Amino acid sequence: MDKKQIIISPKTKVLQLIETYPELEDVLINYVPAFKKLKNPILRKTVAKIATLQQAASIGNVKVGDLINHLRQEVGQEGMTSEINNPYNTRQPDWFNEANIVQELDVRDMLAAGEHPVNQVMADLKKLPENTIYKMIAPFLPAPLIDKASSIEVKHYVVKEKDDLFIIYFCK
C-alpha cells in the first residue's frame, strides 16, 4: 500500500482527509453529525473540497483541537497540544444595526437543491455599499464562505438560532 499519508491539522481539507483516510469518513460524520451531508455527491465535490477541518469544527460546534486529536488517534498520529480558537465572530459588533440591512438571502433551498451559494453571495458582497449589511440564512455555519468574505475585507457576525439555523450578517 503506497498511499500518501498526511498529517491531520486544522488546515487539512475535508475531502483530502477522506480521500487519504477513507475510514475516517464515518468517524468524522459521527463526531460532526452536520457532515452526514458528505454522502451527497454534489456537496462532497463542493463543500468538502474547500472546507478545512477547522471550518468543519466550527460548522459542527465542536472544539477543533478535540476533533483533530480524535481523527489523529484513529489513524495512529500523535495528538496536538495547542488549543485553537474559533475564528468566527459570534459577539454583536459595533457596526451591527438591523436598520442597515439592505439585502437578504436564504440559502437553504439552494443547498437542498445541491447548489452552492458561494458565487452568488460573493457577487452580492462585492456590490454591497459601504456600512450596509447583507443578511444570509443558512442551515449550518458556512465557514468557507465566511473565510472567503473575510479575504475581501468583509466583516461578519454569526447568530446561531438553532442547530440547523444560522444567520450571518456581512458588512463592508
Protein backbone atom coordinates (compact mmCIF):
# COMPACT_ATOMS: atom_id res chain seq x y z
CA MET A 1 0.00 0.00 0.00
CA ASP A 2 1.62 3.19 -1.19
CA LYS A 3 -0.92 5.88 -0.41
CA LYS A 4 0.45 9.28 0.51
CA GLN A 5 -0.10 9.99 4.19
CA ILE A 6 -0.94 13.44 5.52
CA ILE A 7 -0.51 14.91 8.97
CA ILE A 8 -4.01 15.85 10.08
CA SER A 9 -4.21 19.53 11.04
CA PRO A 10 -6.84 22.29 11.26
CA LYS A 11 -5.88 23.35 7.71
CA THR A 12 -6.45 19.86 6.23
CA LYS A 13 -9.28 19.91 3.66
CA VAL A 14 -12.16 17.54 4.46
CA LEU A 15 -12.05 15.93 1.00
CA GLN A 16 -8.27 15.45 1.24
CA LEU A 17 -8.78 13.78 4.64
CA ILE A 18 -11.43 11.32 3.48
CA GLU A 19 -9.63 10.53 0.23
CA THR A 20 -6.40 9.80 2.11
CA TYR A 21 -8.12 8.04 5.03
CA PRO A 22 -11.49 6.72 3.74
CA GLU A 23 -12.05 5.03 7.09
CA LEU A 24 -12.30 8.48 8.70
CA GLU A 25 -15.43 9.48 6.76
CA ASP A 26 -17.79 7.74 9.20
CA VAL A 27 -15.65 8.84 12.16
CA LEU A 28 -15.96 12.47 11.02
CA ILE A 29 -19.71 12.13 10.43
CA ASN A 30 -20.24 10.58 13.87
CA TYR A 31 -18.20 13.34 15.52
CA VAL A 32 -19.76 16.19 13.48
CA PRO A 33 -23.27 14.99 12.51
CA ALA A 34 -23.73 18.01 10.22
CA PHE A 35 -21.22 16.32 7.92
CA LYS A 36 -23.60 13.44 7.11
CA LYS A 37 -24.24 15.62 4.06
CA LEU A 38 -20.85 14.38 2.79
CA LYS A 39 -22.76 11.39 1.46
CA ASN A 40 -24.39 13.77 -1.09
CA PRO A 41 -22.07 13.63 -4.15
CA ILE A 42 -22.69 17.29 -5.07
CA LEU A 43 -21.88 18.62 -1.60
CA ARG A 44 -18.92 16.27 -1.42
CA LYS A 45 -17.47 17.83 -4.58
CA THR A 46 -18.11 21.39 -3.43
CA VAL A 47 -18.12 21.86 0.33
CA ALA A 48 -15.74 19.01 1.21
CA LYS A 49 -13.28 20.19 -1.43
CA ILE A 50 -12.87 23.66 0.11
CA ALA A 51 -13.77 23.17 3.79
CA THR A 52 -10.92 22.69 6.26
CA LEU A 53 -11.17 20.68 9.46
CA GLN A 54 -11.08 23.99 11.38
CA GLN A 55 -14.17 25.06 9.43
CA ALA A 56 -15.76 21.64 9.94
CA ALA A 57 -15.31 22.02 13.69
CA SER A 58 -16.97 25.43 13.58
CA ILE A 59 -19.83 24.07 11.48
CA GLY A 60 -20.28 21.22 13.95
CA ASN A 61 -19.86 23.46 17.00
CA VAL A 62 -17.04 21.29 18.38
CA LYS A 63 -13.55 22.26 19.53
CA VAL A 64 -11.16 21.97 16.63
CA GLY A 65 -8.38 20.58 18.85
CA ASP A 66 -10.69 17.82 20.08
CA LEU A 67 -11.74 16.95 16.52
CA ILE A 68 -8.15 16.89 15.23
CA ASN A 69 -6.97 14.75 18.14
CA HIS A 70 -9.88 12.34 17.68
CA LEU A 71 -9.09 11.92 13.96
CA ARG A 72 -5.36 11.63 14.62
CA GLN A 73 -5.93 8.96 17.25
CA GLU A 74 -7.98 6.91 14.76
CA VAL A 75 -5.02 6.75 12.33
CA GLY A 76 -2.24 6.47 14.91
CA GLN A 77 -0.89 10.04 14.78
CA GLU A 78 0.26 11.97 17.86
CA GLY A 79 -2.25 14.39 19.35
CA MET A 80 -1.97 18.17 19.19
CA THR A 81 -1.36 20.05 22.39
CA SER A 82 -2.16 23.65 21.47
CA GLU A 83 -5.76 24.85 21.53
CA ILE A 84 -7.07 26.69 18.50
CA ASN A 85 -9.79 29.30 18.94
CA ASN A 86 -12.98 29.66 16.92
CA PRO A 87 -12.22 32.39 14.36
CA TYR A 88 -15.88 33.31 13.75
CA ASN A 89 -17.39 36.37 15.37
CA THR A 90 -20.42 35.46 17.50
CA ARG A 91 -20.49 38.66 19.59
CA GLN A 92 -22.61 41.51 18.30
CA PRO A 93 -20.20 44.06 16.80
CA ASP A 94 -20.49 47.86 16.98
CA TRP A 95 -21.32 48.05 13.27
CA PHE A 96 -24.43 45.87 13.61
CA ASN A 97 -27.76 47.66 13.29
CA GLU A 98 -30.79 45.86 11.82
CA ALA A 99 -31.85 49.12 10.14
CA ASN A 100 -28.73 48.83 7.94
CA ILE A 101 -29.77 45.51 6.38
CA VAL A 102 -30.16 46.20 2.65
CA GLN A 103 -30.16 42.66 1.24
CA GLU A 104 -31.14 39.20 2.46
CA LEU A 105 -30.59 35.71 1.06
CA ASP A 106 -31.89 32.43 2.46
CA VAL A 107 -29.58 29.74 1.04
CA ARG A 108 -31.43 26.73 2.48
CA ASP A 109 -33.40 25.98 -0.73
CA MET A 110 -30.28 26.38 -2.88
CA LEU A 111 -28.35 23.93 -0.70
CA ALA A 112 -31.27 21.47 -0.63
CA ALA A 113 -31.23 21.53 -4.45
CA GLY A 114 -27.49 20.73 -4.44
CA GLU A 115 -26.47 24.25 -5.48
CA HIS A 116 -23.63 26.09 -3.81
CA PRO A 117 -24.37 29.77 -2.97
CA VAL A 118 -20.75 30.96 -2.77
CA ASN A 119 -20.63 32.66 -6.18
CA GLN A 120 -23.92 34.48 -5.69
CA VAL A 121 -23.08 35.63 -2.15
CA MET A 122 -19.60 36.80 -3.14
CA ALA A 123 -21.01 38.74 -6.12
CA ASP A 124 -23.61 40.32 -3.83
CA LEU A 125 -20.97 41.22 -1.22
CA LYS A 126 -18.72 42.85 -3.81
CA LYS A 127 -21.64 45.16 -4.77
CA LEU A 128 -22.65 45.81 -1.14
CA PRO A 129 -22.49 49.55 -0.34
CA GLU A 130 -20.12 50.56 2.48
CA ASN A 131 -21.58 50.39 6.02
CA THR A 132 -24.63 48.40 4.93
CA ILE A 133 -25.47 44.85 5.95
CA TYR A 134 -26.13 41.68 3.97
CA LYS A 135 -28.13 39.05 5.86
CA MET A 136 -27.71 35.38 4.96
CA ILE A 137 -29.73 32.50 6.40
CA ALA A 138 -28.19 29.02 6.31
CA PRO A 139 -28.80 25.55 7.83
CA PHE A 140 -25.18 25.35 9.08
CA LEU A 141 -22.25 27.66 9.71
CA PRO A 142 -20.86 28.36 6.20
CA ALA A 143 -17.27 28.63 7.40
CA PRO A 144 -15.58 28.51 3.95
CA LEU A 145 -17.89 31.27 2.70
CA ILE A 146 -17.18 33.44 5.75
CA ASP A 147 -13.44 32.94 5.23
CA LYS A 148 -13.77 33.91 1.58
CA ALA A 149 -15.74 37.06 2.52
CA SER A 150 -13.10 37.93 5.12
CA SER A 151 -10.44 37.69 2.43
CA ILE A 152 -12.07 40.66 0.63
CA GLU A 153 -12.28 42.59 3.91
CA VAL A 154 -15.98 41.98 4.59
CA LYS A 155 -16.74 41.70 8.31
CA HIS A 156 -19.17 39.14 9.66
CA TYR A 157 -21.36 38.42 12.67
CA VAL A 158 -22.82 34.93 13.24
CA VAL A 159 -26.01 34.22 15.18
CA LYS A 160 -26.86 30.57 15.85
CA GLU A 161 -30.64 30.43 16.21
CA LYS A 162 -30.82 26.62 16.37
CA ASP A 163 -28.56 23.70 15.46
CA ASP A 164 -29.80 23.92 11.88
CA LEU A 165 -30.40 27.67 11.57
CA PHE A 166 -27.65 30.26 11.34
CA ILE A 167 -27.93 33.94 10.45
CA ILE A 168 -24.78 35.53 9.14
CA TYR A 169 -24.54 39.29 8.79
CA PHE A 170 -21.89 40.71 6.47
CA CYS A 171 -20.73 44.33 6.39
CA LYS A 172 -18.09 46.16 4.31
